[in-house]
């Protein structure tokens, strides 16, 4: 498999990856279906921004946003049955039950842990040291500009955390289980080791929660953009959208079985960061996962960082012992020739 040259890398040498937009599939059907699946993503984004921007204070609160987000996920789950991107990604009951487990874990255990040691605690401590009078220049900007800045700053942090997980072995141990998913569905973003899910959620976005309306606007952007990373829906994604935002097309490349492809498209919302730092690959992939598409079960996912670290430690120890033998140290002992 020859692959395609993208910058100084060859993409698709290990597994099939469609590079570029020209060969990506389009929505099949009549004009109404074409219209809906072309403008669905922009419509939801602008509708949510309008609600948060102009909605009454009694409604635009965190609890309302949570319920809207939950309902939005149910809607998108329905769209996966109406217009799937790939039949090979269709949910089975086993996949659905596994996804529900991880989503429940995120809303219970991980949320409790984050409450005590997460970014909210760190941000709260930092906020206590600062004088908010120093930020009048920021709070004086238009509300939407504030929200865009918060969203992009938070995503900048997530970009480097995610990139670090692919380039530093201790972090990779926590992130690797997420790359054993073999299909993208709306809840697959919750699938992974709890340590990785905790780390990827860390960021400085919460630093701006003293600006409740701007903070919620920034959250609305994430809710109606990054949510599409893991989704089995075929969209006719507008060119301007896929240039500035991360899409399911981009993220499928990141989850490809091709090694070089996985080292791309790290951002959660703004693919612009990948374009700036040279890690963007436009395209899509259907064949996902690791180890030839081996599916990792829940038990292995929970234990992987520890079991793999132990295995690596034992392997390193064996190599050190082997390197310390007299023969390998060149101390003059020779093996007798085999008869």
C-alpha atoms as a PDB file:
ATOM      1  CA  UNK A   1       0.000   0.000   0.000  1.00  0.00           C
ATOM      2  CA  UNK A   2       1.759   3.121  -1.249  1.00  0.00           C
ATOM      3  CA  UNK A   3      -0.104   5.823   0.650  1.00  0.00           C
ATOM      4  CA  UNK A   4      -0.327   9.544  -0.123  1.00  0.00           C
ATOM      5  CA  UNK A   5       2.321  12.163   0.599  1.00  0.00           C
ATOM      6  CA  UNK A   6       1.005  14.834   2.975  1.00  0.00           C
ATOM      7  CA  UNK A   7       3.732  17.290   3.871  1.00  0.00           C
ATOM      8  CA  UNK A   8       6.697  15.205   5.007  1.00  0.00           C
ATOM      9  CA  UNK A   9       4.574  12.184   5.889  1.00  0.00           C
ATOM     10  CA  UNK A  10       3.004   9.311   3.954  1.00  0.00           C
ATOM     11  CA  UNK A  11      -0.632   8.751   4.938  1.00  0.00           C
ATOM     12  CA  UNK A  12      -2.385   5.463   4.248  1.00  0.00           C
ATOM     13  CA  UNK A  13       0.632   3.175   3.886  1.00  0.00           C
ATOM     14  CA  UNK A  14      -0.567   0.844   6.663  1.00  0.00           C
ATOM     15  CA  UNK A  15      -4.361   0.986   6.187  1.00  0.00           C
ATOM     16  CA  UNK A  16      -6.846   2.635   3.771  1.00  0.00           C
ATOM     17  CA  UNK A  17      -7.274   6.398   4.259  1.00  0.00           C
ATOM     18  CA  UNK A  18      -9.010   8.753   1.845  1.00  0.00           C
ATOM     19  CA  UNK A  19      -6.892  11.919   1.672  1.00  0.00           C
ATOM     20  CA  UNK A  20      -8.540  15.120   0.467  1.00  0.00           C
ATOM     21  CA  UNK A  21     -12.220  15.909   0.030  1.00  0.00           C
ATOM     22  CA  UNK A  22     -12.765  14.963  -3.620  1.00  0.00           C
ATOM     23  CA  UNK A  23     -13.289  11.232  -3.046  1.00  0.00           C
ATOM     24  CA  UNK A  24     -15.367  11.458   0.136  1.00  0.00           C
ATOM     25  CA  UNK A  25     -18.881  10.070  -0.161  1.00  0.00           C
ATOM     26  CA  UNK A  26     -21.892  12.351  -0.450  1.00  0.00           C
ATOM     27  CA  UNK A  27     -25.383  12.123   0.999  1.00  0.00           C
ATOM     28  CA  UNK A  28     -27.650  10.107  -1.259  1.00  0.00           C
ATOM     29  CA  UNK A  29     -31.307  11.041  -1.667  1.00  0.00           C
ATOM     30  CA  UNK A  30     -33.667  13.797  -2.738  1.00  0.00           C
ATOM     31  CA  UNK A  31     -33.235  17.575  -2.418  1.00  0.00           C
ATOM     32  CA  UNK A  32     -34.832  17.768   1.055  1.00  0.00           C
ATOM     33  CA  UNK A  33     -32.473  15.149   2.477  1.00  0.00           C
ATOM     34  CA  UNK A  34     -29.527  16.832   0.743  1.00  0.00           C
ATOM     35  CA  UNK A  35     -30.526  20.174   2.261  1.00  0.00           C
ATOM     36  CA  UNK A  36     -31.011  18.790   5.792  1.00  0.00           C
ATOM     37  CA  UNK A  37     -27.697  16.952   5.932  1.00  0.00           C
ATOM     38  CA  UNK A  38     -25.798  19.853   4.406  1.00  0.00           C
ATOM     39  CA  UNK A  39     -27.022  22.562   6.776  1.00  0.00           C
ATOM     40  CA  UNK A  40     -27.872  20.557   9.905  1.00  0.00           C
ATOM     41  CA  UNK A  41     -24.556  21.272  11.647  1.00  0.00           C
ATOM     42  CA  UNK A  42     -24.439  25.045  10.966  1.00  0.00           C
ATOM     43  CA  UNK A  43     -28.135  25.414  11.854  1.00  0.00           C
ATOM     44  CA  UNK A  44     -27.697  23.728  15.242  1.00  0.00           C
ATOM     45  CA  UNK A  45     -24.633  25.846  16.026  1.00  0.00           C
ATOM     46  CA  UNK A  46     -26.275  29.173  15.164  1.00  0.00           C
ATOM     47  CA  UNK A  47     -29.551  28.215  16.871  1.00  0.00           C
ATOM     48  CA  UNK A  48     -27.737  27.314  20.084  1.00  0.00           C
ATOM     49  CA  UNK A  49     -25.663  30.500  19.986  1.00  0.00           C
ATOM     50  CA  UNK A  50     -28.819  32.571  19.471  1.00  0.00           C
ATOM     51  CA  UNK A  51     -30.525  30.888  22.426  1.00  0.00           C
ATOM     52  CA  UNK A  52     -27.605  31.476  24.783  1.00  0.00           C
ATOM     53  CA  UNK A  53     -26.970  34.996  23.501  1.00  0.00           C
ATOM     54  CA  UNK A  54     -30.543  36.313  23.635  1.00  0.00           C
ATOM     55  CA  UNK A  55     -32.245  33.878  26.014  1.00  0.00           C
ATOM     56  CA  UNK A  56     -33.550  35.029  29.422  1.00  0.00           C
ATOM     57  CA  UNK A  57     -31.235  34.627  32.420  1.00  0.00           C
ATOM     58  CA  UNK A  58     -33.708  32.270  34.062  1.00  0.00           C
ATOM     59  CA  UNK A  59     -33.312  29.785  31.194  1.00  0.00           C
ATOM     60  CA  UNK A  60     -29.686  30.215  30.142  1.00  0.00           C
ATOM     61  CA  UNK A  61     -28.127  28.306  33.031  1.00  0.00           C
ATOM     62  CA  UNK A  62     -25.855  25.286  33.294  1.00  0.00           C
ATOM     63  CA  UNK A  63     -28.686  22.872  34.134  1.00  0.00           C
ATOM     64  CA  UNK A  64     -30.624  23.895  31.015  1.00  0.00           C
ATOM     65  CA  UNK A  65     -27.532  23.453  28.854  1.00  0.00           C
ATOM     66  CA  UNK A  66     -27.019  20.002  30.346  1.00  0.00           C
ATOM     67  CA  UNK A  67     -30.567  18.922  29.444  1.00  0.00           C
ATOM     68  CA  UNK A  68     -30.260  20.387  25.943  1.00  0.00           C
ATOM     69  CA  UNK A  69     -26.984  18.531  25.464  1.00  0.00           C
ATOM     70  CA  UNK A  70     -28.560  15.270  26.588  1.00  0.00           C
ATOM     71  CA  UNK A  71     -31.520  15.720  24.244  1.00  0.00           C
ATOM     72  CA  UNK A  72     -29.177  16.645  21.404  1.00  0.00           C
ATOM     73  CA  UNK A  73     -27.282  13.387  21.863  1.00  0.00           C
ATOM     74  CA  UNK A  74     -30.533  11.407  21.647  1.00  0.00           C
ATOM     75  CA  UNK A  75     -31.418  13.247  18.431  1.00  0.00           C
ATOM     76  CA  UNK A  76     -28.016  12.489  16.917  1.00  0.00           C
ATOM     77  CA  UNK A  77     -28.318   8.843  17.945  1.00  0.00           C
ATOM     78  CA  UNK A  78     -31.524   8.741  15.893  1.00  0.00           C
ATOM     79  CA  UNK A  79     -29.781  10.354  12.911  1.00  0.00           C
ATOM     80  CA  UNK A  80     -27.235   7.528  12.966  1.00  0.00           C
ATOM     81  CA  UNK A  81     -30.041   5.123  12.066  1.00  0.00           C
ATOM     82  CA  UNK A  82     -31.540   7.441   9.437  1.00  0.00           C
ATOM     83  CA  UNK A  83     -28.386   8.296   7.504  1.00  0.00           C
ATOM     84  CA  UNK A  84     -25.348   6.254   8.599  1.00  0.00           C
ATOM     85  CA  UNK A  85     -21.911   7.159   7.262  1.00  0.00           C
ATOM     86  CA  UNK A  86     -20.841   3.511   7.146  1.00  0.00           C
ATOM     87  CA  UNK A  87     -22.900   0.359   7.633  1.00  0.00           C
ATOM     88  CA  UNK A  88     -19.842  -1.205   9.290  1.00  0.00           C
ATOM     89  CA  UNK A  89     -20.181   1.378  12.074  1.00  0.00           C
ATOM     90  CA  UNK A  90     -23.827   0.607  12.878  1.00  0.00           C
ATOM     91  CA  UNK A  91     -24.450   0.052  16.577  1.00  0.00           C
ATOM     92  CA  UNK A  92     -25.023  -3.423  17.882  1.00  0.00           C
ATOM     93  CA  UNK A  93     -26.656  -4.003  21.259  1.00  0.00           C
ATOM     94  CA  UNK A  94     -23.267  -5.010  22.656  1.00  0.00           C
ATOM     95  CA  UNK A  95     -21.659  -1.775  21.434  1.00  0.00           C
ATOM     96  CA  UNK A  96     -24.585   0.283  22.738  1.00  0.00           C
ATOM     97  CA  UNK A  97     -24.469  -1.336  26.188  1.00  0.00           C
ATOM     98  CA  UNK A  98     -20.703  -0.737  26.369  1.00  0.00           C
ATOM     99  CA  UNK A  99     -21.154   2.907  25.389  1.00  0.00           C
ATOM    100  CA  UNK A 100     -23.833   3.373  28.058  1.00  0.00           C
ATOM    101  CA  UNK A 101     -21.416   2.028  30.676  1.00  0.00           C
ATOM    102  CA  UNK A 102     -18.734   4.564  29.771  1.00  0.00           C
ATOM    103  CA  UNK A 103     -21.194   7.454  29.518  1.00  0.00           C
ATOM    104  CA  UNK A 104     -22.570   6.551  32.967  1.00  0.00           C
ATOM    105  CA  UNK A 105     -19.026   6.375  34.320  1.00  0.00           C
ATOM    106  CA  UNK A 106     -18.368   9.874  33.036  1.00  0.00           C
ATOM    107  CA  UNK A 107     -21.481  11.328  34.637  1.00  0.00           C
ATOM    108  CA  UNK A 108     -20.875   9.675  38.017  1.00  0.00           C
ATOM    109  CA  UNK A 109     -17.386   8.619  39.119  1.00  0.00           C
ATOM    110  CA  UNK A 110     -15.386  10.897  36.848  1.00  0.00           C
ATOM    111  CA  UNK A 111     -17.553  13.910  37.660  1.00  0.00           C
ATOM    112  CA  UNK A 112     -17.083  13.253  41.384  1.00  0.00           C
ATOM    113  CA  UNK A 113     -13.302  12.919  40.996  1.00  0.00           C
ATOM    114  CA  UNK A 114     -13.168  16.087  38.906  1.00  0.00           C
ATOM    115  CA  UNK A 115     -15.052  17.938  41.622  1.00  0.00           C
ATOM    116  CA  UNK A 116     -12.241  17.285  44.119  1.00  0.00           C
ATOM    117  CA  UNK A 117      -9.049  17.258  42.020  1.00  0.00           C
ATOM    118  CA  UNK A 118     -10.056  18.414  38.532  1.00  0.00           C
ATOM    119  CA  UNK A 119      -9.431  21.618  36.662  1.00  0.00           C
ATOM    120  CA  UNK A 120     -12.220  23.364  38.573  1.00  0.00           C
ATOM    121  CA  UNK A 121     -10.201  23.124  41.797  1.00  0.00           C
ATOM    122  CA  UNK A 122      -7.024  24.334  40.099  1.00  0.00           C
ATOM    123  CA  UNK A 123      -8.819  27.161  38.345  1.00  0.00           C
ATOM    124  CA  UNK A 124     -10.554  28.171  41.570  1.00  0.00           C
ATOM    125  CA  UNK A 125      -7.208  28.458  43.338  1.00  0.00           C
ATOM    126  CA  UNK A 126      -5.768  30.587  40.544  1.00  0.00           C
ATOM    127  CA  UNK A 127      -8.822  32.817  40.506  1.00  0.00           C
ATOM    128  CA  UNK A 128      -8.337  33.474  44.220  1.00  0.00           C
ATOM    129  CA  UNK A 129      -4.891  34.914  43.542  1.00  0.00           C
ATOM    130  CA  UNK A 130      -5.956  37.318  40.818  1.00  0.00           C
ATOM    131  CA  UNK A 131      -7.629  40.682  40.743  1.00  0.00           C
ATOM    132  CA  UNK A 132     -10.501  40.740  38.260  1.00  0.00           C
ATOM    133  CA  UNK A 133      -9.803  44.411  37.629  1.00  0.00           C
ATOM    134  CA  UNK A 134      -6.852  43.205  35.546  1.00  0.00           C
ATOM    135  CA  UNK A 135      -9.305  41.616  33.086  1.00  0.00           C
ATOM    136  CA  UNK A 136     -11.459  44.620  32.269  1.00  0.00           C
ATOM    137  CA  UNK A 137      -9.882  44.692  28.809  1.00  0.00           C
ATOM    138  CA  UNK A 138     -11.319  41.196  28.215  1.00  0.00           C
ATOM    139  CA  UNK A 139     -14.725  41.744  29.775  1.00  0.00           C
ATOM    140  CA  UNK A 140     -15.094  44.919  27.733  1.00  0.00           C
ATOM    141  CA  UNK A 141     -14.992  43.004  24.458  1.00  0.00           C
ATOM    142  CA  UNK A 142     -18.215  41.947  22.686  1.00  0.00           C
ATOM    143  CA  UNK A 143     -19.801  38.897  24.288  1.00  0.00           C
ATOM    144  CA  UNK A 144     -19.408  36.679  21.232  1.00  0.00           C
ATOM    145  CA  UNK A 145     -15.719  37.623  20.920  1.00  0.00           C
ATOM    146  CA  UNK A 146     -15.222  36.623  24.546  1.00  0.00           C
ATOM    147  CA  UNK A 147     -16.902  33.264  23.879  1.00  0.00           C
ATOM    148  CA  UNK A 148     -14.790  32.583  20.792  1.00  0.00           C
ATOM    149  CA  UNK A 149     -11.626  33.409  22.729  1.00  0.00           C
ATOM    150  CA  UNK A 150     -12.603  31.121  25.614  1.00  0.00           C
ATOM    151  CA  UNK A 151     -13.437  28.283  23.221  1.00  0.00           C
ATOM    152  CA  UNK A 152     -10.195  28.614  21.271  1.00  0.00           C
ATOM    153  CA  UNK A 153      -8.031  28.938  24.400  1.00  0.00           C
ATOM    154  CA  UNK A 154      -9.600  25.817  25.898  1.00  0.00           C
ATOM    155  CA  UNK A 155      -9.182  23.896  22.635  1.00  0.00           C
ATOM    156  CA  UNK A 156      -5.557  25.042  22.378  1.00  0.00           C
ATOM    157  CA  UNK A 157      -4.903  23.319  25.699  1.00  0.00           C
ATOM    158  CA  UNK A 158      -6.763  20.197  24.621  1.00  0.00           C
ATOM    159  CA  UNK A 159      -4.784  20.095  21.369  1.00  0.00           C
ATOM    160  CA  UNK A 160      -1.460  19.928  23.217  1.00  0.00           C
ATOM    161  CA  UNK A 161      -2.741  17.481  25.811  1.00  0.00           C
ATOM    162  CA  UNK A 162      -4.011  15.186  23.064  1.00  0.00           C
ATOM    163  CA  UNK A 163      -0.829  15.572  21.041  1.00  0.00           C
ATOM    164  CA  UNK A 164       1.207  14.826  24.163  1.00  0.00           C
ATOM    165  CA  UNK A 165      -0.752  11.621  24.637  1.00  0.00           C
ATOM    166  CA  UNK A 166       0.489  10.446  21.251  1.00  0.00           C
ATOM    167  CA  UNK A 167       4.091  11.465  21.796  1.00  0.00           C
ATOM    168  CA  UNK A 168       4.895  10.696  25.448  1.00  0.00           C
ATOM    169  CA  UNK A 169       4.692   7.049  26.453  1.00  0.00           C
ATOM    170  CA  UNK A 170       3.244   7.465  29.996  1.00  0.00           C
ATOM    171  CA  UNK A 171       0.377   9.570  28.607  1.00  0.00           C
ATOM    172  CA  UNK A 172      -0.043   7.200  25.653  1.00  0.00           C
ATOM    173  CA  UNK A 173      -0.687   4.330  28.063  1.00  0.00           C
ATOM    174  CA  UNK A 174      -3.800   6.145  29.290  1.00  0.00           C
ATOM    175  CA  UNK A 175      -4.965   7.149  25.795  1.00  0.00           C
ATOM    176  CA  UNK A 176      -4.290   3.930  23.874  1.00  0.00           C
ATOM    177  CA  UNK A 177      -7.541   2.135  24.887  1.00  0.00           C
ATOM    178  CA  UNK A 178      -9.573   4.869  23.183  1.00  0.00           C
ATOM    179  CA  UNK A 179      -7.860   3.952  19.908  1.00  0.00           C
ATOM    180  CA  UNK A 180      -9.125   0.387  20.129  1.00  0.00           C
ATOM    181  CA  UNK A 181     -12.632   1.469  19.136  1.00  0.00           C
ATOM    182  CA  UNK A 182     -13.433   0.052  15.724  1.00  0.00           C
ATOM    183  CA  UNK A 183     -16.351   2.321  14.823  1.00  0.00           C
ATOM    184  CA  UNK A 184     -17.480   5.871  15.486  1.00  0.00           C
ATOM    185  CA  UNK A 185     -20.843   6.466  17.170  1.00  0.00           C
ATOM    186  CA  UNK A 186     -22.209   9.426  19.067  1.00  0.00           C
ATOM    187  CA  UNK A 187     -21.119   8.145  22.499  1.00  0.00           C
ATOM    188  CA  UNK A 188     -17.711   6.740  21.543  1.00  0.00           C
ATOM    189  CA  UNK A 189     -15.998   9.871  22.859  1.00  0.00           C
ATOM    190  CA  UNK A 190     -16.745   8.553  26.357  1.00  0.00           C
ATOM    191  CA  UNK A 191     -15.023   5.214  25.699  1.00  0.00           C
ATOM    192  CA  UNK A 192     -11.579   4.970  27.229  1.00  0.00           C
ATOM    193  CA  UNK A 193      -9.586   4.572  30.396  1.00  0.00           C
ATOM    194  CA  UNK A 194     -10.843   6.868  33.199  1.00  0.00           C
ATOM    195  CA  UNK A 195      -7.380   8.397  33.686  1.00  0.00           C
ATOM    196  CA  UNK A 196      -7.284   9.491  30.047  1.00  0.00           C
ATOM    197  CA  UNK A 197     -10.822  10.836  30.175  1.00  0.00           C
ATOM    198  CA  UNK A 198      -9.909  12.859  33.261  1.00  0.00           C
ATOM    199  CA  UNK A 199      -6.711  14.244  31.699  1.00  0.00           C
ATOM    200  CA  UNK A 200      -8.298  15.162  28.364  1.00  0.00           C
ATOM    201  CA  UNK A 201     -10.942  17.127  30.251  1.00  0.00           C
ATOM    202  CA  UNK A 202      -8.378  19.336  31.947  1.00  0.00           C
ATOM    203  CA  UNK A 203      -8.099  22.836  30.555  1.00  0.00           C
ATOM    204  CA  UNK A 204      -8.096  26.532  31.264  1.00  0.00           C
ATOM    205  CA  UNK A 205     -11.567  27.121  29.852  1.00  0.00           C
ATOM    206  CA  UNK A 206     -13.050  27.012  33.337  1.00  0.00           C
ATOM    207  CA  UNK A 207     -10.872  29.967  34.265  1.00  0.00           C
ATOM    208  CA  UNK A 208     -13.470  32.146  32.573  1.00  0.00           C
ATOM    209  CA  UNK A 209     -16.482  30.925  34.533  1.00  0.00           C
ATOM    210  CA  UNK A 210     -16.649  34.351  36.196  1.00  0.00           C
ATOM    211  CA  UNK A 211     -18.213  35.373  32.852  1.00  0.00           C
ATOM    212  CA  UNK A 212     -21.291  33.121  32.963  1.00  0.00           C
ATOM    213  CA  UNK A 213     -22.921  34.144  29.673  1.00  0.00           C
ATOM    214  CA  UNK A 214     -19.643  34.096  27.703  1.00  0.00           C
ATOM    215  CA  UNK A 215     -18.688  30.803  29.379  1.00  0.00           C
ATOM    216  CA  UNK A 216     -22.005  29.218  28.368  1.00  0.00           C
ATOM    217  CA  UNK A 217     -21.621  30.567  24.831  1.00  0.00           C
ATOM    218  CA  UNK A 218     -18.222  28.900  24.606  1.00  0.00           C
ATOM    219  CA  UNK A 219     -19.803  25.690  25.882  1.00  0.00           C
ATOM    220  CA  UNK A 220     -22.501  25.957  23.237  1.00  0.00           C
ATOM    221  CA  UNK A 221     -19.819  26.040  20.548  1.00  0.00           C
ATOM    222  CA  UNK A 222     -18.254  22.882  21.909  1.00  0.00           C
ATOM    223  CA  UNK A 223     -21.631  21.196  22.293  1.00  0.00           C
ATOM    224  CA  UNK A 224     -22.643  21.782  18.681  1.00  0.00           C
ATOM    225  CA  UNK A 225     -19.244  21.260  17.019  1.00  0.00           C
ATOM    226  CA  UNK A 226     -16.994  18.778  18.840  1.00  0.00           C
ATOM    227  CA  UNK A 227     -19.942  16.451  19.459  1.00  0.00           C
ATOM    228  CA  UNK A 228     -19.720  15.368  15.799  1.00  0.00           C
ATOM    229  CA  UNK A 229     -16.218  13.912  16.218  1.00  0.00           C
ATOM    230  CA  UNK A 230     -17.621  10.487  17.045  1.00  0.00           C
ATOM    231  CA  UNK A 231     -20.779  10.080  14.987  1.00  0.00           C
ATOM    232  CA  UNK A 232     -21.954   7.634  12.348  1.00  0.00           C
ATOM    233  CA  UNK A 233     -23.817  10.138  10.185  1.00  0.00           C
ATOM    234  CA  UNK A 234     -23.084  11.095   6.589  1.00  0.00           C
ATOM    235  CA  UNK A 235     -23.076  14.878   6.146  1.00  0.00           C
ATOM    236  CA  UNK A 236     -22.374  17.044   3.116  1.00  0.00           C
ATOM    237  CA  UNK A 237     -20.146  19.138   5.363  1.00  0.00           C
ATOM    238  CA  UNK A 238     -19.818  22.710   4.014  1.00  0.00           C
ATOM    239  CA  UNK A 239     -16.283  23.607   2.928  1.00  0.00           C
ATOM    240  CA  UNK A 240     -16.021  26.551   5.314  1.00  0.00           C
ATOM    241  CA  UNK A 241     -17.087  24.347   8.265  1.00  0.00           C
ATOM    242  CA  UNK A 242     -14.506  21.641   7.638  1.00  0.00           C
ATOM    243  CA  UNK A 243     -11.788  24.276   7.167  1.00  0.00           C
ATOM    244  CA  UNK A 244     -12.186  25.806  10.651  1.00  0.00           C
ATOM    245  CA  UNK A 245     -13.835  23.018  12.683  1.00  0.00           C
ATOM    246  CA  UNK A 246     -12.858  19.451  13.469  1.00  0.00           C
ATOM    247  CA  UNK A 247     -15.286  17.019  11.806  1.00  0.00           C
ATOM    248  CA  UNK A 248     -16.106  13.335  11.913  1.00  0.00           C
ATOM    249  CA  UNK A 249     -14.125  13.057   8.681  1.00  0.00           C
ATOM    250  CA  UNK A 250     -11.034  14.471  10.380  1.00  0.00           C
ATOM    251  CA  UNK A 251     -11.495  12.351  13.474  1.00  0.00           C
ATOM    252  CA  UNK A 252     -12.003   9.140  11.534  1.00  0.00           C
ATOM    253  CA  UNK A 253      -8.549   9.739  10.028  1.00  0.00           C
ATOM    254  CA  UNK A 254      -7.182  10.127  13.563  1.00  0.00           C
ATOM    255  CA  UNK A 255      -8.708   6.741  14.505  1.00  0.00           C
ATOM    256  CA  UNK A 256      -7.490   4.977  11.367  1.00  0.00           C
ATOM    257  CA  UNK A 257      -5.423   1.811  11.565  1.00  0.00           C
ATOM    258  CA  UNK A 258      -2.743   3.745   9.668  1.00  0.00           C
ATOM    259  CA  UNK A 259      -0.064   4.874  12.135  1.00  0.00           C
ATOM    260  CA  UNK A 260       0.850   8.183  10.488  1.00  0.00           C
ATOM    261  CA  UNK A 261      -2.820   9.098  10.133  1.00  0.00           C
ATOM    262  CA  UNK A 262      -3.363   8.719  13.880  1.00  0.00           C
ATOM    263  CA  UNK A 263      -0.724  11.384  14.491  1.00  0.00           C
ATOM    264  CA  UNK A 264      -2.957  14.075  13.055  1.00  0.00           C
ATOM    265  CA  UNK A 265      -6.151  16.040  13.795  1.00  0.00           C
ATOM    266  CA  UNK A 266      -5.640  16.397  17.541  1.00  0.00           C
ATOM    267  CA  UNK A 267      -7.981  19.312  18.205  1.00  0.00           C
ATOM    268  CA  UNK A 268     -11.432  18.820  19.675  1.00  0.00           C
ATOM    269  CA  UNK A 269     -13.262  21.772  18.119  1.00  0.00           C
ATOM    270  CA  UNK A 270     -11.002  24.063  16.075  1.00  0.00           C
ATOM    271  CA  UNK A 271      -9.117  22.150  13.365  1.00  0.00           C
ATOM    272  CA  UNK A 272      -7.411  25.495  12.782  1.00  0.00           C
ATOM    273  CA  UNK A 273      -4.917  24.529  15.515  1.00  0.00           C
ATOM    274  CA  UNK A 274      -3.914  21.459  13.514  1.00  0.00           C
ATOM    275  CA  UNK A 275      -3.549  23.602  10.410  1.00  0.00           C
ATOM    276  CA  UNK A 276      -1.355  26.075  12.293  1.00  0.00           C
ATOM    277  CA  UNK A 277       0.926  23.383  13.737  1.00  0.00           C
ATOM    278  CA  UNK A 278       1.067  21.189  10.612  1.00  0.00           C
ATOM    279  CA  UNK A 279      -0.842  18.174  11.921  1.00  0.00           C
ATOM    280  CA  UNK A 280      -4.035  18.485   9.861  1.00  0.00           C
ATOM    281  CA  UNK A 281      -4.969  15.764   7.370  1.00  0.00           C
ATOM    282  CA  UNK A 282      -8.196  16.378   5.453  1.00  0.00           C
ATOM    283  CA  UNK A 283      -9.988  13.182   4.506  1.00  0.00           C
ATOM    284  CA  UNK A 284     -11.706  10.218   6.132  1.00  0.00           C
ATOM    285  CA  UNK A 285     -11.229   6.548   7.005  1.00  0.00           C
ATOM    286  CA  UNK A 286     -13.578   3.637   7.569  1.00  0.00           C
ATOM    287  CA  UNK A 287     -11.174   0.988   8.889  1.00  0.00           C
ATOM    288  CA  UNK A 288     -10.447   1.983  12.485  1.00  0.00           C
ATOM    289  CA  UNK A 289      -8.693   0.650  15.568  1.00  0.00           C
ATOM    290  CA  UNK A 290      -5.432  -1.010  16.532  1.00  0.00           C
ATOM    291  CA  UNK A 291      -3.971  -4.524  16.396  1.00  0.00           C
ATOM    292  CA  UNK A 292      -5.853  -5.212  13.182  1.00  0.00           C
ATOM    293  CA  UNK A 293      -9.148  -3.995  14.600  1.00  0.00           C
ATOM    294  CA  UNK A 294      -9.105  -5.939  17.850  1.00  0.00           C
ATOM    295  CA  UNK A 295     -11.855  -4.763  20.191  1.00  0.00           C
ATOM    296  CA  UNK A 296     -10.716  -4.074  23.774  1.00  0.00           C
ATOM    297  CA  UNK A 297     -13.187  -5.111  26.462  1.00  0.00           C
ATOM    298  CA  UNK A 298     -14.057  -3.046  29.543  1.00  0.00           C
ATOM    299  CA  UNK A 299     -11.791  -4.935  31.927  1.00  0.00           C
ATOM    300  CA  UNK A 300      -8.742  -4.552  29.700  1.00  0.00           C
ATOM    301  CA  UNK A 301      -9.565  -0.879  29.144  1.00  0.00           C
ATOM    302  CA  UNK A 302      -9.623  -0.234  32.890  1.00  0.00           C
ATOM    303  CA  UNK A 303      -6.353  -2.091  33.559  1.00  0.00           C
ATOM    304  CA  UNK A 304      -4.373  -1.318  30.392  1.00  0.00           C
ATOM    305  CA  UNK A 305      -2.199   1.604  31.648  1.00  0.00           C
ATOM    306  CA  UNK A 306      -1.057  -0.495  34.621  1.00  0.00           C
ATOM    307  CA  UNK A 307      -0.726  -3.883  32.902  1.00  0.00           C
ATOM    308  CA  UNK A 308       1.082  -2.397  29.899  1.00  0.00           C
ATOM    309  CA  UNK A 309       3.411  -0.334  32.120  1.00  0.00           C
ATOM    310  CA  UNK A 310       4.261  -3.482  34.099  1.00  0.00           C
ATOM    311  CA  UNK A 311       4.894  -5.421  30.900  1.00  0.00           C
ATOM    312  CA  UNK A 312       7.164  -2.655  29.587  1.00  0.00           C
ATOM    313  CA  UNK A 313       9.039  -2.537  32.909  1.00  0.00           C
ATOM    314  CA  UNK A 314       9.620  -6.293  32.887  1.00  0.00           C
ATOM    315  CA  UNK A 315      10.796  -6.139  29.277  1.00  0.00           C
ATOM    316  CA  UNK A 316      13.231  -3.325  30.060  1.00  0.00           C
ATOM    317  CA  UNK A 317      14.526  -5.198  33.102  1.00  0.00           C
ATOM    318  CA  UNK A 318      15.130  -8.328  31.026  1.00  0.00           C
ATOM    319  CA  UNK A 319      17.026  -6.325  28.413  1.00  0.00           C
ATOM    320  CA  UNK A 320      19.170  -4.718  31.117  1.00  0.00           C
ATOM    321  CA  UNK A 321      19.985  -8.118  32.596  1.00  0.00           C
ATOM    322  CA  UNK A 322      20.829  -9.446  29.157  1.00  0.00           C
ATOM    323  CA  UNK A 323      23.064  -6.449  28.468  1.00  0.00           C
ATOM    324  CA  UNK A 324      24.891  -7.086  31.746  1.00  0.00           C
ATOM    325  CA  UNK A 325      25.981 -10.678  30.953  1.00  0.00           C
ATOM    326  CA  UNK A 326      29.722 -11.294  30.419  1.00  0.00           C
ATOM    327  CA  UNK A 327      29.277 -12.283  26.774  1.00  0.00           C
ATOM    328  CA  UNK A 328      27.502  -9.034  25.932  1.00  0.00           C
ATOM    329  CA  UNK A 329      30.074  -7.024  27.848  1.00  0.00           C
ATOM    330  CA  UNK A 330      32.861  -8.462  25.745  1.00  0.00           C
ATOM    331  CA  UNK A 331      34.768 -10.069  28.642  1.00  0.00           C
ATOM    332  CA  UNK A 332      36.383 -12.709  26.476  1.00  0.00           C
ATOM    333  CA  UNK A 333      34.127 -15.697  27.033  1.00  0.00           C
ATOM    334  CA  UNK A 334      33.206 -17.432  23.794  1.00  0.00           C
ATOM    335  CA  UNK A 335      30.428 -19.841  23.091  1.00  0.00           C
ATOM    336  CA  UNK A 336      31.487 -23.281  21.955  1.00  0.00           C
ATOM    337  CA  UNK A 337      30.475 -23.999  18.384  1.00  0.00           C
ATOM    338  CA  UNK A 338      27.388 -26.097  17.971  1.00  0.00           C
ATOM    339  CA  UNK A 339      28.049 -29.662  16.915  1.00  0.00           C
END
